[in-house]
C-alpha cells in the first residue's frame, strides 16, 4: 500500500502545477490543505468491470486536470468505487508524475456492505438491519477501505449518515454511540490510519430544529472536544447542497444559525454532495436560473458554479464516472467563483 497522507506542502505543490486554475481561485484551503473546489464523487454506476474501468479513467483524468479531492464510501458499488480509485491512484503514483501527499482521499462507513461485514459485529450494534457506528465495526471498515484504496492512510473518514441511528435509538443513546465512535476514531488517528474524521449526511443537517432526527453540529463538536481535546480531529462534514437543496445556507436550524455558519464557527471544512442532484440539474435548468449564471456552456457547469460559490463550502462534489464528464466540468476551473453579492441574488 502507498504510504503517506495529503500534506500542506504536497497540495501546494499540486496546485502550483495548474497556475491558471490557481489564479482563478479554483483551490481552497481545507485544514491547511490546498484542495480543488471541484471534487470527484463515485456514488452511482453499475457493478461491472466496464464501470470500474470508466471510473478509474475518470480519476486519472481528474487528477491530471487539476482535481485533487476524491470521495468514496465502502458501500458505493459494493466496494468497487474504492477499488477503482485505488487502481487509478496506483497508476498515477507508479508513473512518478504525482505523489501521495498531493491528493486528498475521503471515504465513509456506516452502512453494512455485502462482502464487508465482520463476523464480530453484534446484533445490538446494528439498527434497521443495515447501519452501525460501533467502534470495532468502524475500525474494521477503515482497514478494508485502506486495502481497497491501496493506501496506508486515509485523509478523511466520515461516519456515513449517522442520523440513521436517530430513527431507532434515543438521543441520549445516540450521543453515547457517537462518543464511543469518536474515541476510537481519535485512536485510529493516533495509529496513523486516518488524518481527520467527520460526518457525511443526507438529511441530518437539513431537518427542522424540532425534528428528533436532526443532527446538532455544535453537539458533535462538543463530544469530539471532550474525547480529543481542543486538537480533536473531527474537522469535516459532508452534506447535500445544490440549486434545489440550499438548506445548509438558508435554514436556521442549528440553534438559530445555519449549519454552514456553525461549521465556520468551529473551524470545520464543508464538502457539498449531490451538486448535480444525481444528474437532474445537469440539463434543462429553467431559463431564469441559467441566465443568472452566465459564461458557461452547460447546465452542469452552471449548477457546479452555484454550489462552489456558496460561502462556507470548500468543495463541490460531482459524480463523474466517465473521463468526458471530468473534461466538461473542468472547463469551469479557470473561471472564478461568483462574488458574494452576485451569489446572494439567488435568494
C-alpha atoms as a PDB file:
ATOM      1  CA  UNK A   1       0.000   0.000   0.000  1.00  0.00           C
ATOM      2  CA  UNK A   2       1.127   3.550  -0.674  1.00  0.00           C
ATOM      3  CA  UNK A   3       2.329   5.300   2.484  1.00  0.00           C
ATOM      4  CA  UNK A   4       1.670   8.878   3.497  1.00  0.00           C
ATOM      5  CA  UNK A   5      -1.162  11.402   3.629  1.00  0.00           C
ATOM      6  CA  UNK A   6      -2.067  14.636   1.890  1.00  0.00           C
ATOM      7  CA  UNK A   7       0.019  17.495   3.292  1.00  0.00           C
ATOM      8  CA  UNK A   8       0.041  21.280   3.068  1.00  0.00           C
ATOM      9  CA  UNK A   9       3.346  21.184   1.189  1.00  0.00           C
ATOM     10  CA  UNK A  10       2.197  18.437  -1.165  1.00  0.00           C
ATOM     11  CA  UNK A  11      -1.145  20.002  -2.063  1.00  0.00           C
ATOM     12  CA  UNK A  12       0.525  23.412  -2.534  1.00  0.00           C
ATOM     13  CA  UNK A  13       2.921  21.731  -4.940  1.00  0.00           C
ATOM     14  CA  UNK A  14      -0.025  20.118  -6.713  1.00  0.00           C
ATOM     15  CA  UNK A  15      -1.993  23.358  -7.115  1.00  0.00           C
ATOM     16  CA  UNK A  16       1.113  25.109  -8.463  1.00  0.00           C
ATOM     17  CA  UNK A  17       1.038  22.687 -11.392  1.00  0.00           C
ATOM     18  CA  UNK A  18      -2.114  24.469 -12.556  1.00  0.00           C
ATOM     19  CA  UNK A  19      -1.355  28.217 -12.490  1.00  0.00           C
ATOM     20  CA  UNK A  20      -4.415  29.306 -14.490  1.00  0.00           C
ATOM     21  CA  UNK A  21      -6.761  27.447 -12.141  1.00  0.00           C
ATOM     22  CA  UNK A  22      -4.833  28.680  -9.123  1.00  0.00           C
ATOM     23  CA  UNK A  23      -5.126  32.295 -10.282  1.00  0.00           C
ATOM     24  CA  UNK A  24      -8.894  31.832 -10.762  1.00  0.00           C
ATOM     25  CA  UNK A  25      -9.432  30.686  -7.177  1.00  0.00           C
ATOM     26  CA  UNK A  26     -10.088  27.067  -8.075  1.00  0.00           C
ATOM     27  CA  UNK A  27      -8.192  25.862  -4.991  1.00  0.00           C
ATOM     28  CA  UNK A  28      -9.394  26.378  -1.416  1.00  0.00           C
ATOM     29  CA  UNK A  29      -7.827  25.992   1.991  1.00  0.00           C
ATOM     30  CA  UNK A  30      -9.131  22.968   3.912  1.00  0.00           C
ATOM     31  CA  UNK A  31      -7.451  22.218   7.238  1.00  0.00           C
ATOM     32  CA  UNK A  32      -4.213  23.547   5.811  1.00  0.00           C
ATOM     33  CA  UNK A  33      -4.505  21.681   2.524  1.00  0.00           C
ATOM     34  CA  UNK A  34      -4.950  23.282  -0.907  1.00  0.00           C
ATOM     35  CA  UNK A  35      -7.864  21.340  -2.392  1.00  0.00           C
ATOM     36  CA  UNK A  36      -9.747  21.730  -5.653  1.00  0.00           C
ATOM     37  CA  UNK A  37     -13.203  23.279  -5.323  1.00  0.00           C
ATOM     38  CA  UNK A  38     -14.461  20.549  -7.662  1.00  0.00           C
ATOM     39  CA  UNK A  39     -14.219  17.061  -6.186  1.00  0.00           C
ATOM     40  CA  UNK A  40     -14.816  13.707  -7.853  1.00  0.00           C
ATOM     41  CA  UNK A  41     -17.575  11.537  -6.382  1.00  0.00           C
ATOM     42  CA  UNK A  42     -18.114   7.844  -7.079  1.00  0.00           C
ATOM     43  CA  UNK A  43     -21.598   7.007  -5.798  1.00  0.00           C
ATOM     44  CA  UNK A  44     -23.539   5.828  -8.858  1.00  0.00           C
ATOM     45  CA  UNK A  45     -22.910   3.202 -11.500  1.00  0.00           C
ATOM     46  CA  UNK A  46     -23.293  -0.455 -12.331  1.00  0.00           C
ATOM     47  CA  UNK A  47     -21.257  -3.068 -10.501  1.00  0.00           C
ATOM     48  CA  UNK A  48     -19.347  -4.311 -13.519  1.00  0.00           C
ATOM     49  CA  UNK A  49     -15.860  -4.130 -14.994  1.00  0.00           C
ATOM     50  CA  UNK A  50     -16.807  -1.564 -17.625  1.00  0.00           C
ATOM     51  CA  UNK A  51     -17.905   0.890 -14.923  1.00  0.00           C
ATOM     52  CA  UNK A  52     -14.825   0.078 -12.839  1.00  0.00           C
ATOM     53  CA  UNK A  53     -12.593   0.922 -15.796  1.00  0.00           C
ATOM     54  CA  UNK A  54     -14.544   4.090 -16.599  1.00  0.00           C
ATOM     55  CA  UNK A  55     -14.224   5.357 -13.026  1.00  0.00           C
ATOM     56  CA  UNK A  56     -10.509   4.611 -12.945  1.00  0.00           C
ATOM     57  CA  UNK A  57     -10.046   6.544 -16.187  1.00  0.00           C
ATOM     58  CA  UNK A  58     -12.139   9.417 -14.799  1.00  0.00           C
ATOM     59  CA  UNK A  59      -9.946   9.592 -11.679  1.00  0.00           C
ATOM     60  CA  UNK A  60      -6.768   9.717 -13.781  1.00  0.00           C
ATOM     61  CA  UNK A  61      -8.273  12.445 -15.979  1.00  0.00           C
ATOM     62  CA  UNK A  62      -9.376  14.406 -12.919  1.00  0.00           C
ATOM     63  CA  UNK A  63      -6.030  14.279 -11.132  1.00  0.00           C
ATOM     64  CA  UNK A  64      -4.152  15.127 -14.324  1.00  0.00           C
ATOM     65  CA  UNK A  65      -6.565  18.013 -14.917  1.00  0.00           C
ATOM     66  CA  UNK A  66      -6.386  19.703 -11.532  1.00  0.00           C
ATOM     67  CA  UNK A  67      -8.755  17.813  -9.207  1.00  0.00           C
ATOM     68  CA  UNK A  68      -7.102  16.553  -6.029  1.00  0.00           C
ATOM     69  CA  UNK A  69     -10.147  15.816  -3.836  1.00  0.00           C
ATOM     70  CA  UNK A  70     -11.584  12.308  -4.279  1.00  0.00           C
ATOM     71  CA  UNK A  71     -14.622  10.922  -2.467  1.00  0.00           C
ATOM     72  CA  UNK A  72     -15.940   7.386  -1.972  1.00  0.00           C
ATOM     73  CA  UNK A  73     -17.627   5.104   0.568  1.00  0.00           C
ATOM     74  CA  UNK A  74     -17.126   1.423   1.233  1.00  0.00           C
ATOM     75  CA  UNK A  75     -20.726   0.699   0.227  1.00  0.00           C
ATOM     76  CA  UNK A  76     -20.543   2.608  -3.070  1.00  0.00           C
ATOM     77  CA  UNK A  77     -20.978  -0.062  -5.711  1.00  0.00           C
ATOM     78  CA  UNK A  78     -20.197  -2.662  -3.005  1.00  0.00           C
ATOM     79  CA  UNK A  79     -16.540  -1.595  -2.543  1.00  0.00           C
ATOM     80  CA  UNK A  80     -15.876  -1.300  -6.282  1.00  0.00           C
ATOM     81  CA  UNK A  81     -15.730   2.503  -6.269  1.00  0.00           C
ATOM     82  CA  UNK A  82     -12.958   2.470  -3.673  1.00  0.00           C
ATOM     83  CA  UNK A  83     -11.156  -0.193  -5.658  1.00  0.00           C
ATOM     84  CA  UNK A  84     -11.446   1.849  -8.874  1.00  0.00           C
ATOM     85  CA  UNK A  85      -9.906   4.852  -7.154  1.00  0.00           C
ATOM     86  CA  UNK A  86      -7.186   2.592  -5.785  1.00  0.00           C
ATOM     87  CA  UNK A  87      -6.322   1.299  -9.252  1.00  0.00           C
ATOM     88  CA  UNK A  88      -6.149   4.836 -10.650  1.00  0.00           C
ATOM     89  CA  UNK A  89      -4.002   6.155  -7.821  1.00  0.00           C
ATOM     90  CA  UNK A  90      -1.641   3.209  -8.064  1.00  0.00           C
ATOM     91  CA  UNK A  91      -1.133   4.010 -11.748  1.00  0.00           C
ATOM     92  CA  UNK A  92      -0.588   7.703 -11.068  1.00  0.00           C
ATOM     93  CA  UNK A  93       1.864   7.132  -8.235  1.00  0.00           C
ATOM     94  CA  UNK A  94       3.798   4.414 -10.084  1.00  0.00           C
ATOM     95  CA  UNK A  95       4.220   6.737 -13.048  1.00  0.00           C
ATOM     96  CA  UNK A  96       6.085   9.170 -10.807  1.00  0.00           C
ATOM     97  CA  UNK A  97       4.087  12.124 -12.084  1.00  0.00           C
ATOM     98  CA  UNK A  98       2.146  12.572  -8.832  1.00  0.00           C
ATOM     99  CA  UNK A  99       2.870  11.822  -5.192  1.00  0.00           C
ATOM    100  CA  UNK A 100       0.645  10.672  -2.349  1.00  0.00           C
ATOM    101  CA  UNK A 101       0.941  13.931  -0.421  1.00  0.00           C
ATOM    102  CA  UNK A 102      -0.725  15.866  -3.258  1.00  0.00           C
ATOM    103  CA  UNK A 103      -4.100  14.067  -3.211  1.00  0.00           C
ATOM    104  CA  UNK A 104      -6.837  14.165  -0.555  1.00  0.00           C
ATOM    105  CA  UNK A 105      -8.782  10.887  -0.425  1.00  0.00           C
ATOM    106  CA  UNK A 106     -12.017  10.617   1.565  1.00  0.00           C
ATOM    107  CA  UNK A 107     -14.298   7.687   2.309  1.00  0.00           C
ATOM    108  CA  UNK A 108     -17.132   6.683   4.630  1.00  0.00           C
ATOM    109  CA  UNK A 109     -18.642   3.782   6.529  1.00  0.00           C
ATOM    110  CA  UNK A 110     -21.796   3.036   8.434  1.00  0.00           C
ATOM    111  CA  UNK A 111     -23.974   1.015   6.093  1.00  0.00           C
ATOM    112  CA  UNK A 112     -23.486  -2.732   6.044  1.00  0.00           C
ATOM    113  CA  UNK A 113     -21.932  -3.751   2.742  1.00  0.00           C
ATOM    114  CA  UNK A 114     -22.191  -7.258   1.274  1.00  0.00           C
ATOM    115  CA  UNK A 115     -18.825  -8.947   1.492  1.00  0.00           C
ATOM    116  CA  UNK A 116     -17.549  -6.438   4.056  1.00  0.00           C
ATOM    117  CA  UNK A 117     -19.469  -7.235   7.254  1.00  0.00           C
ATOM    118  CA  UNK A 118     -17.179  -8.523  10.022  1.00  0.00           C
ATOM    119  CA  UNK A 119     -18.270 -11.703  11.742  1.00  0.00           C
ATOM    120  CA  UNK A 120     -17.702  -9.996  15.088  1.00  0.00           C
ATOM    121  CA  UNK A 121     -20.448  -7.396  14.534  1.00  0.00           C
ATOM    122  CA  UNK A 122     -23.157  -7.838  17.159  1.00  0.00           C
ATOM    123  CA  UNK A 123     -26.887  -7.609  16.526  1.00  0.00           C
ATOM    124  CA  UNK A 124     -27.369  -4.884  19.136  1.00  0.00           C
ATOM    125  CA  UNK A 125     -24.763  -2.752  17.349  1.00  0.00           C
ATOM    126  CA  UNK A 126     -26.899  -2.577  14.195  1.00  0.00           C
ATOM    127  CA  UNK A 127     -30.052  -0.562  13.544  1.00  0.00           C
ATOM    128  CA  UNK A 128     -32.624  -1.305  10.843  1.00  0.00           C
ATOM    129  CA  UNK A 129     -30.548  -4.368   9.868  1.00  0.00           C
ATOM    130  CA  UNK A 130     -28.292  -2.077   7.816  1.00  0.00           C
ATOM    131  CA  UNK A 131     -26.357   0.539   9.832  1.00  0.00           C
ATOM    132  CA  UNK A 132     -23.741   0.605  12.569  1.00  0.00           C
ATOM    133  CA  UNK A 133     -21.308   3.063  14.108  1.00  0.00           C
ATOM    134  CA  UNK A 134     -19.901   0.591  16.640  1.00  0.00           C
ATOM    135  CA  UNK A 135     -16.196   1.289  17.281  1.00  0.00           C
ATOM    136  CA  UNK A 136     -14.903  -2.161  16.283  1.00  0.00           C
ATOM    137  CA  UNK A 137     -17.043  -2.085  13.136  1.00  0.00           C
ATOM    138  CA  UNK A 138     -15.663   1.315  12.111  1.00  0.00           C
ATOM    139  CA  UNK A 139     -12.102   0.145  12.703  1.00  0.00           C
ATOM    140  CA  UNK A 140     -12.750  -2.906  10.530  1.00  0.00           C
ATOM    141  CA  UNK A 141     -14.246  -0.794   7.744  1.00  0.00           C
ATOM    142  CA  UNK A 142     -11.311   1.612   7.777  1.00  0.00           C
ATOM    143  CA  UNK A 143      -8.893  -1.272   7.314  1.00  0.00           C
ATOM    144  CA  UNK A 144     -10.966  -2.625   4.429  1.00  0.00           C
ATOM    145  CA  UNK A 145     -11.121   0.813   2.800  1.00  0.00           C
ATOM    146  CA  UNK A 146      -7.367   1.264   3.144  1.00  0.00           C
ATOM    147  CA  UNK A 147      -6.900  -2.052   1.389  1.00  0.00           C
ATOM    148  CA  UNK A 148      -9.409  -1.194  -1.356  1.00  0.00           C
ATOM    149  CA  UNK A 149      -7.784   2.184  -1.978  1.00  0.00           C
ATOM    150  CA  UNK A 150      -4.251   0.847  -1.719  1.00  0.00           C
ATOM    151  CA  UNK A 151      -3.360   3.500   0.864  1.00  0.00           C
ATOM    152  CA  UNK A 152      -1.732   3.179   4.260  1.00  0.00           C
ATOM    153  CA  UNK A 153      -3.710   6.166   5.492  1.00  0.00           C
ATOM    154  CA  UNK A 154      -6.962   7.914   4.594  1.00  0.00           C
ATOM    155  CA  UNK A 155      -7.172  11.702   4.666  1.00  0.00           C
ATOM    156  CA  UNK A 156     -10.820  11.945   5.736  1.00  0.00           C
ATOM    157  CA  UNK A 157     -13.073   9.239   7.146  1.00  0.00           C
ATOM    158  CA  UNK A 158     -16.752  10.064   7.593  1.00  0.00           C
ATOM    159  CA  UNK A 159     -19.453   8.417   9.629  1.00  0.00           C
ATOM    160  CA  UNK A 160     -21.932   7.726   6.847  1.00  0.00           C
ATOM    161  CA  UNK A 161     -25.417   9.115   7.532  1.00  0.00           C
ATOM    162  CA  UNK A 162     -25.169   8.836  11.325  1.00  0.00           C
ATOM    163  CA  UNK A 163     -28.692  10.280  11.530  1.00  0.00           C
ATOM    164  CA  UNK A 164     -29.878   6.798  10.543  1.00  0.00           C
ATOM    165  CA  UNK A 165     -29.280   5.822  14.172  1.00  0.00           C
ATOM    166  CA  UNK A 166     -31.644   8.514  15.450  1.00  0.00           C
ATOM    167  CA  UNK A 167     -34.606   6.767  13.885  1.00  0.00           C
ATOM    168  CA  UNK A 168     -34.021   3.820  16.211  1.00  0.00           C
ATOM    169  CA  UNK A 169     -32.316   4.951  19.414  1.00  0.00           C
ATOM    170  CA  UNK A 170     -32.975   7.724  21.915  1.00  0.00           C
ATOM    171  CA  UNK A 171     -30.913  10.916  21.743  1.00  0.00           C
ATOM    172  CA  UNK A 172     -29.000  10.005  24.898  1.00  0.00           C
ATOM    173  CA  UNK A 173     -28.083   6.602  23.447  1.00  0.00           C
ATOM    174  CA  UNK A 174     -27.126   8.253  20.163  1.00  0.00           C
ATOM    175  CA  UNK A 175     -24.756  10.653  21.930  1.00  0.00           C
ATOM    176  CA  UNK A 176     -23.168   7.708  23.719  1.00  0.00           C
ATOM    177  CA  UNK A 177     -22.683   5.859  20.432  1.00  0.00           C
ATOM    178  CA  UNK A 178     -21.158   8.954  18.851  1.00  0.00           C
ATOM    179  CA  UNK A 179     -18.877   9.385  21.853  1.00  0.00           C
ATOM    180  CA  UNK A 180     -17.592   5.804  21.633  1.00  0.00           C
ATOM    181  CA  UNK A 181     -17.135   6.150  17.854  1.00  0.00           C
ATOM    182  CA  UNK A 182     -15.179   9.394  18.238  1.00  0.00           C
ATOM    183  CA  UNK A 183     -12.996   7.906  20.977  1.00  0.00           C
ATOM    184  CA  UNK A 184     -11.993   5.058  18.672  1.00  0.00           C
ATOM    185  CA  UNK A 185     -11.505   7.372  15.686  1.00  0.00           C
ATOM    186  CA  UNK A 186      -9.158   9.584  17.712  1.00  0.00           C
ATOM    187  CA  UNK A 187      -7.151   6.447  18.486  1.00  0.00           C
ATOM    188  CA  UNK A 188      -7.134   5.461  14.816  1.00  0.00           C
ATOM    189  CA  UNK A 189      -5.800   8.933  14.001  1.00  0.00           C
ATOM    190  CA  UNK A 190      -3.016   8.300  16.515  1.00  0.00           C
ATOM    191  CA  UNK A 191      -2.321   4.992  14.775  1.00  0.00           C
ATOM    192  CA  UNK A 192      -1.798   6.877  11.516  1.00  0.00           C
ATOM    193  CA  UNK A 193      -4.600   5.157   9.614  1.00  0.00           C
ATOM    194  CA  UNK A 194      -6.690   8.311   9.129  1.00  0.00           C
ATOM    195  CA  UNK A 195      -5.858  12.030   9.261  1.00  0.00           C
ATOM    196  CA  UNK A 196      -9.280  13.503  10.113  1.00  0.00           C
ATOM    197  CA  UNK A 197     -12.824  12.264  10.626  1.00  0.00           C
ATOM    198  CA  UNK A 198     -16.278  13.745  10.232  1.00  0.00           C
ATOM    199  CA  UNK A 199     -19.922  13.148   9.373  1.00  0.00           C
ATOM    200  CA  UNK A 200     -21.324  12.707   5.877  1.00  0.00           C
ATOM    201  CA  UNK A 201     -25.079  13.146   5.938  1.00  0.00           C
ATOM    202  CA  UNK A 202     -28.095  13.197   3.694  1.00  0.00           C
ATOM    203  CA  UNK A 203     -30.781  14.881   5.765  1.00  0.00           C
ATOM    204  CA  UNK A 204     -29.390  15.042   9.300  1.00  0.00           C
ATOM    205  CA  UNK A 205     -28.375  18.698   8.974  1.00  0.00           C
ATOM    206  CA  UNK A 206     -31.421  19.552   6.850  1.00  0.00           C
ATOM    207  CA  UNK A 207     -34.066  18.554   9.374  1.00  0.00           C
ATOM    208  CA  UNK A 208     -36.036  21.327  11.145  1.00  0.00           C
ATOM    209  CA  UNK A 209     -34.826  22.300  14.597  1.00  0.00           C
ATOM    210  CA  UNK A 210     -37.680  20.419  16.273  1.00  0.00           C
ATOM    211  CA  UNK A 211     -37.071  17.150  14.421  1.00  0.00           C
ATOM    212  CA  UNK A 212     -35.916  14.246  16.610  1.00  0.00           C
ATOM    213  CA  UNK A 213     -33.627  13.155  13.754  1.00  0.00           C
ATOM    214  CA  UNK A 214     -31.823  16.475  13.350  1.00  0.00           C
ATOM    215  CA  UNK A 215     -28.079  16.316  13.854  1.00  0.00           C
ATOM    216  CA  UNK A 216     -26.802  19.039  16.170  1.00  0.00           C
ATOM    217  CA  UNK A 217     -23.429  20.021  14.733  1.00  0.00           C
ATOM    218  CA  UNK A 218     -22.343  22.015  17.783  1.00  0.00           C
ATOM    219  CA  UNK A 219     -23.090  18.988  19.963  1.00  0.00           C
ATOM    220  CA  UNK A 220     -20.991  16.738  17.721  1.00  0.00           C
ATOM    221  CA  UNK A 221     -18.100  19.186  18.019  1.00  0.00           C
ATOM    222  CA  UNK A 222     -18.564  19.290  21.795  1.00  0.00           C
ATOM    223  CA  UNK A 223     -18.344  15.491  22.018  1.00  0.00           C
ATOM    224  CA  UNK A 224     -15.261  15.474  19.795  1.00  0.00           C
ATOM    225  CA  UNK A 225     -13.622  18.083  22.014  1.00  0.00           C
ATOM    226  CA  UNK A 226     -14.444  16.084  25.133  1.00  0.00           C
ATOM    227  CA  UNK A 227     -12.859  12.966  23.639  1.00  0.00           C
ATOM    228  CA  UNK A 228      -9.982  14.517  21.690  1.00  0.00           C
ATOM    229  CA  UNK A 229      -9.309  17.842  23.378  1.00  0.00           C
ATOM    230  CA  UNK A 230      -9.045  21.179  21.595  1.00  0.00           C
ATOM    231  CA  UNK A 231      -6.900  19.479  18.934  1.00  0.00           C
ATOM    232  CA  UNK A 232      -9.579  16.899  18.148  1.00  0.00           C
ATOM    233  CA  UNK A 233      -9.762  15.577  14.582  1.00  0.00           C
ATOM    234  CA  UNK A 234     -13.491  15.986  13.862  1.00  0.00           C
ATOM    235  CA  UNK A 235     -12.850  18.530  11.112  1.00  0.00           C
ATOM    236  CA  UNK A 236     -15.008  17.690   8.077  1.00  0.00           C
ATOM    237  CA  UNK A 237     -18.684  17.411   7.275  1.00  0.00           C
ATOM    238  CA  UNK A 238     -20.374  16.492   4.017  1.00  0.00           C
ATOM    239  CA  UNK A 239     -23.962  17.373   3.156  1.00  0.00           C
ATOM    240  CA  UNK A 240     -26.121  17.814   0.055  1.00  0.00           C
ATOM    241  CA  UNK A 241     -26.189  21.302  -1.404  1.00  0.00           C
ATOM    242  CA  UNK A 242     -27.396  22.409  -4.807  1.00  0.00           C
ATOM    243  CA  UNK A 243     -29.848  24.697  -6.592  1.00  0.00           C
ATOM    244  CA  UNK A 244     -32.757  22.574  -5.349  1.00  0.00           C
ATOM    245  CA  UNK A 245     -31.423  21.902  -1.839  1.00  0.00           C
ATOM    246  CA  UNK A 246     -29.975  25.102  -0.340  1.00  0.00           C
ATOM    247  CA  UNK A 247     -30.961  24.355   3.265  1.00  0.00           C
ATOM    248  CA  UNK A 248     -27.416  24.376   4.647  1.00  0.00           C
ATOM    249  CA  UNK A 249     -27.157  28.052   3.711  1.00  0.00           C
ATOM    250  CA  UNK A 250     -30.685  29.312   4.348  1.00  0.00           C
ATOM    251  CA  UNK A 251     -32.157  27.117   7.115  1.00  0.00           C
ATOM    252  CA  UNK A 252     -31.528  28.428  10.625  1.00  0.00           C
ATOM    253  CA  UNK A 253     -31.967  25.069  12.349  1.00  0.00           C
ATOM    254  CA  UNK A 254     -28.793  24.930  14.424  1.00  0.00           C
ATOM    255  CA  UNK A 255     -29.857  26.983  17.457  1.00  0.00           C
ATOM    256  CA  UNK A 256     -30.672  29.964  15.280  1.00  0.00           C
ATOM    257  CA  UNK A 257     -27.801  29.592  12.849  1.00  0.00           C
ATOM    258  CA  UNK A 258     -27.261  27.751   9.580  1.00  0.00           C
ATOM    259  CA  UNK A 259     -25.131  24.630   9.538  1.00  0.00           C
ATOM    260  CA  UNK A 260     -22.578  26.446   7.370  1.00  0.00           C
ATOM    261  CA  UNK A 261     -22.322  29.198   9.982  1.00  0.00           C
ATOM    262  CA  UNK A 262     -21.813  26.655  12.759  1.00  0.00           C
ATOM    263  CA  UNK A 263     -19.195  24.796  10.726  1.00  0.00           C
ATOM    264  CA  UNK A 264     -17.290  28.041  10.120  1.00  0.00           C
ATOM    265  CA  UNK A 265     -17.527  28.965  13.803  1.00  0.00           C
ATOM    266  CA  UNK A 266     -15.873  25.677  14.783  1.00  0.00           C
ATOM    267  CA  UNK A 267     -13.273  25.583  12.020  1.00  0.00           C
ATOM    268  CA  UNK A 268     -14.802  22.681  10.084  1.00  0.00           C
ATOM    269  CA  UNK A 269     -14.422  22.092   6.368  1.00  0.00           C
ATOM    270  CA  UNK A 270     -17.635  21.517   4.411  1.00  0.00           C
ATOM    271  CA  UNK A 271     -17.846  19.396   1.265  1.00  0.00           C
ATOM    272  CA  UNK A 272     -21.106  19.510  -0.699  1.00  0.00           C
ATOM    273  CA  UNK A 273     -22.553  16.298  -2.117  1.00  0.00           C
ATOM    274  CA  UNK A 274     -25.311  15.966  -4.725  1.00  0.00           C
ATOM    275  CA  UNK A 275     -24.083  19.075  -6.549  1.00  0.00           C
ATOM    276  CA  UNK A 276     -25.947  17.897  -9.668  1.00  0.00           C
ATOM    277  CA  UNK A 277     -28.641  16.035  -7.704  1.00  0.00           C
ATOM    278  CA  UNK A 278     -27.775  12.748  -9.417  1.00  0.00           C
ATOM    279  CA  UNK A 279     -27.645  14.439 -12.853  1.00  0.00           C
ATOM    280  CA  UNK A 280     -31.082  16.056 -12.540  1.00  0.00           C
ATOM    281  CA  UNK A 281     -29.507  19.516 -12.522  1.00  0.00           C
ATOM    282  CA  UNK A 282     -27.140  18.795 -15.397  1.00  0.00           C
ATOM    283  CA  UNK A 283     -29.690  19.743 -18.041  1.00  0.00           C
ATOM    284  CA  UNK A 284     -32.919  21.690 -18.601  1.00  0.00           C
ATOM    285  CA  UNK A 285     -32.388  24.335 -15.938  1.00  0.00           C
ATOM    286  CA  UNK A 286     -35.138  26.996 -16.026  1.00  0.00           C
ATOM    287  CA  UNK A 287     -34.168  29.897 -18.257  1.00  0.00           C
ATOM    288  CA  UNK A 288     -34.231  32.484 -15.473  1.00  0.00           C
ATOM    289  CA  UNK A 289     -31.865  30.348 -13.379  1.00  0.00           C
ATOM    290  CA  UNK A 290     -29.489  29.645 -16.239  1.00  0.00           C
ATOM    291  CA  UNK A 291     -29.367  33.320 -17.195  1.00  0.00           C
ATOM    292  CA  UNK A 292     -28.110  34.265 -13.733  1.00  0.00           C
ATOM    293  CA  UNK A 293     -25.064  32.010 -14.128  1.00  0.00           C
ATOM    294  CA  UNK A 294     -23.575  33.315 -17.341  1.00  0.00           C
ATOM    295  CA  UNK A 295     -20.353  32.389 -19.067  1.00  0.00           C
ATOM    296  CA  UNK A 296     -20.819  28.609 -19.038  1.00  0.00           C
ATOM    297  CA  UNK A 297     -21.500  26.154 -21.838  1.00  0.00           C
ATOM    298  CA  UNK A 298     -23.611  23.600 -19.966  1.00  0.00           C
ATOM    299  CA  UNK A 299     -26.197  23.456 -17.206  1.00  0.00           C
ATOM    300  CA  UNK A 300     -23.928  21.079 -15.299  1.00  0.00           C
ATOM    301  CA  UNK A 301     -21.226  23.752 -15.192  1.00  0.00           C
ATOM    302  CA  UNK A 302     -23.790  26.318 -14.034  1.00  0.00           C
ATOM    303  CA  UNK A 303     -25.018  24.073 -11.221  1.00  0.00           C
ATOM    304  CA  UNK A 304     -21.463  23.346 -10.084  1.00  0.00           C
ATOM    305  CA  UNK A 305     -20.632  27.048 -10.147  1.00  0.00           C
ATOM    306  CA  UNK A 306     -23.616  27.777  -7.892  1.00  0.00           C
ATOM    307  CA  UNK A 307     -22.518  25.264  -5.271  1.00  0.00           C
ATOM    308  CA  UNK A 308     -18.807  26.060  -5.333  1.00  0.00           C
ATOM    309  CA  UNK A 309     -19.608  29.776  -4.997  1.00  0.00           C
ATOM    310  CA  UNK A 310     -21.582  29.257  -1.777  1.00  0.00           C
ATOM    311  CA  UNK A 311     -19.882  30.943   1.198  1.00  0.00           C
ATOM    312  CA  UNK A 312     -18.742  28.253   3.599  1.00  0.00           C
ATOM    313  CA  UNK A 313     -18.488  25.382   1.103  1.00  0.00           C
ATOM    314  CA  UNK A 314     -14.956  24.321   0.242  1.00  0.00           C
ATOM    315  CA  UNK A 315     -15.597  21.570  -2.307  1.00  0.00           C
ATOM    316  CA  UNK A 316     -18.490  20.770  -4.644  1.00  0.00           C
ATOM    317  CA  UNK A 317     -18.545  17.012  -5.181  1.00  0.00           C
ATOM    318  CA  UNK A 318     -19.749  15.771  -8.542  1.00  0.00           C
ATOM    319  CA  UNK A 319     -20.222  12.148  -9.518  1.00  0.00           C
ATOM    320  CA  UNK A 320     -18.072  11.697 -12.607  1.00  0.00           C
ATOM    321  CA  UNK A 321     -17.954   8.153 -13.887  1.00  0.00           C
ATOM    322  CA  UNK A 322     -16.508   8.996 -17.313  1.00  0.00           C
ATOM    323  CA  UNK A 323     -13.473  10.970 -18.393  1.00  0.00           C
ATOM    324  CA  UNK A 324     -15.688  13.055 -20.708  1.00  0.00           C
ATOM    325  CA  UNK A 325     -17.699  14.251 -17.677  1.00  0.00           C
ATOM    326  CA  UNK A 326     -14.484  15.330 -15.980  1.00  0.00           C
ATOM    327  CA  UNK A 327     -13.272  17.232 -19.026  1.00  0.00           C
ATOM    328  CA  UNK A 328     -16.608  19.017 -19.427  1.00  0.00           C
ATOM    329  CA  UNK A 329     -16.786  20.044 -15.789  1.00  0.00           C
ATOM    330  CA  UNK A 330     -13.153  21.136 -15.591  1.00  0.00           C
ATOM    331  CA  UNK A 331     -13.964  23.872 -18.090  1.00  0.00           C
ATOM    332  CA  UNK A 332     -15.103  25.976 -15.122  1.00  0.00           C
ATOM    333  CA  UNK A 333     -11.782  25.613 -13.314  1.00  0.00           C
ATOM    334  CA  UNK A 334     -10.368  28.795 -14.847  1.00  0.00           C
ATOM    335  CA  UNK A 335     -13.485  30.849 -14.035  1.00  0.00           C
ATOM    336  CA  UNK A 336     -13.540  32.470 -10.594  1.00  0.00           C
ATOM    337  CA  UNK A 337     -16.410  31.604  -8.237  1.00  0.00           C
ATOM    338  CA  UNK A 338     -19.221  34.131  -8.068  1.00  0.00           C
ATOM    339  CA  UNK A 339     -18.687  37.078  -5.754  1.00  0.00           C
ATOM    340  CA  UNK A 340     -20.796  37.063  -2.598  1.00  0.00           C
ATOM    341  CA  UNK A 341     -23.118  39.881  -3.746  1.00  0.00           C
ATOM    342  CA  UNK A 342     -23.680  38.158  -7.075  1.00  0.00           C
ATOM    343  CA  UNK A 343     -24.316  34.844  -5.330  1.00  0.00           C
ATOM    344  CA  UNK A 344     -26.842  36.318  -2.894  1.00  0.00           C
ATOM    345  CA  UNK A 345     -29.034  37.440  -5.789  1.00  0.00           C
ATOM    346  CA  UNK A 346     -30.248  33.833  -5.998  1.00  0.00           C
ATOM    347  CA  UNK A 347     -32.029  34.327  -2.712  1.00  0.00           C
END
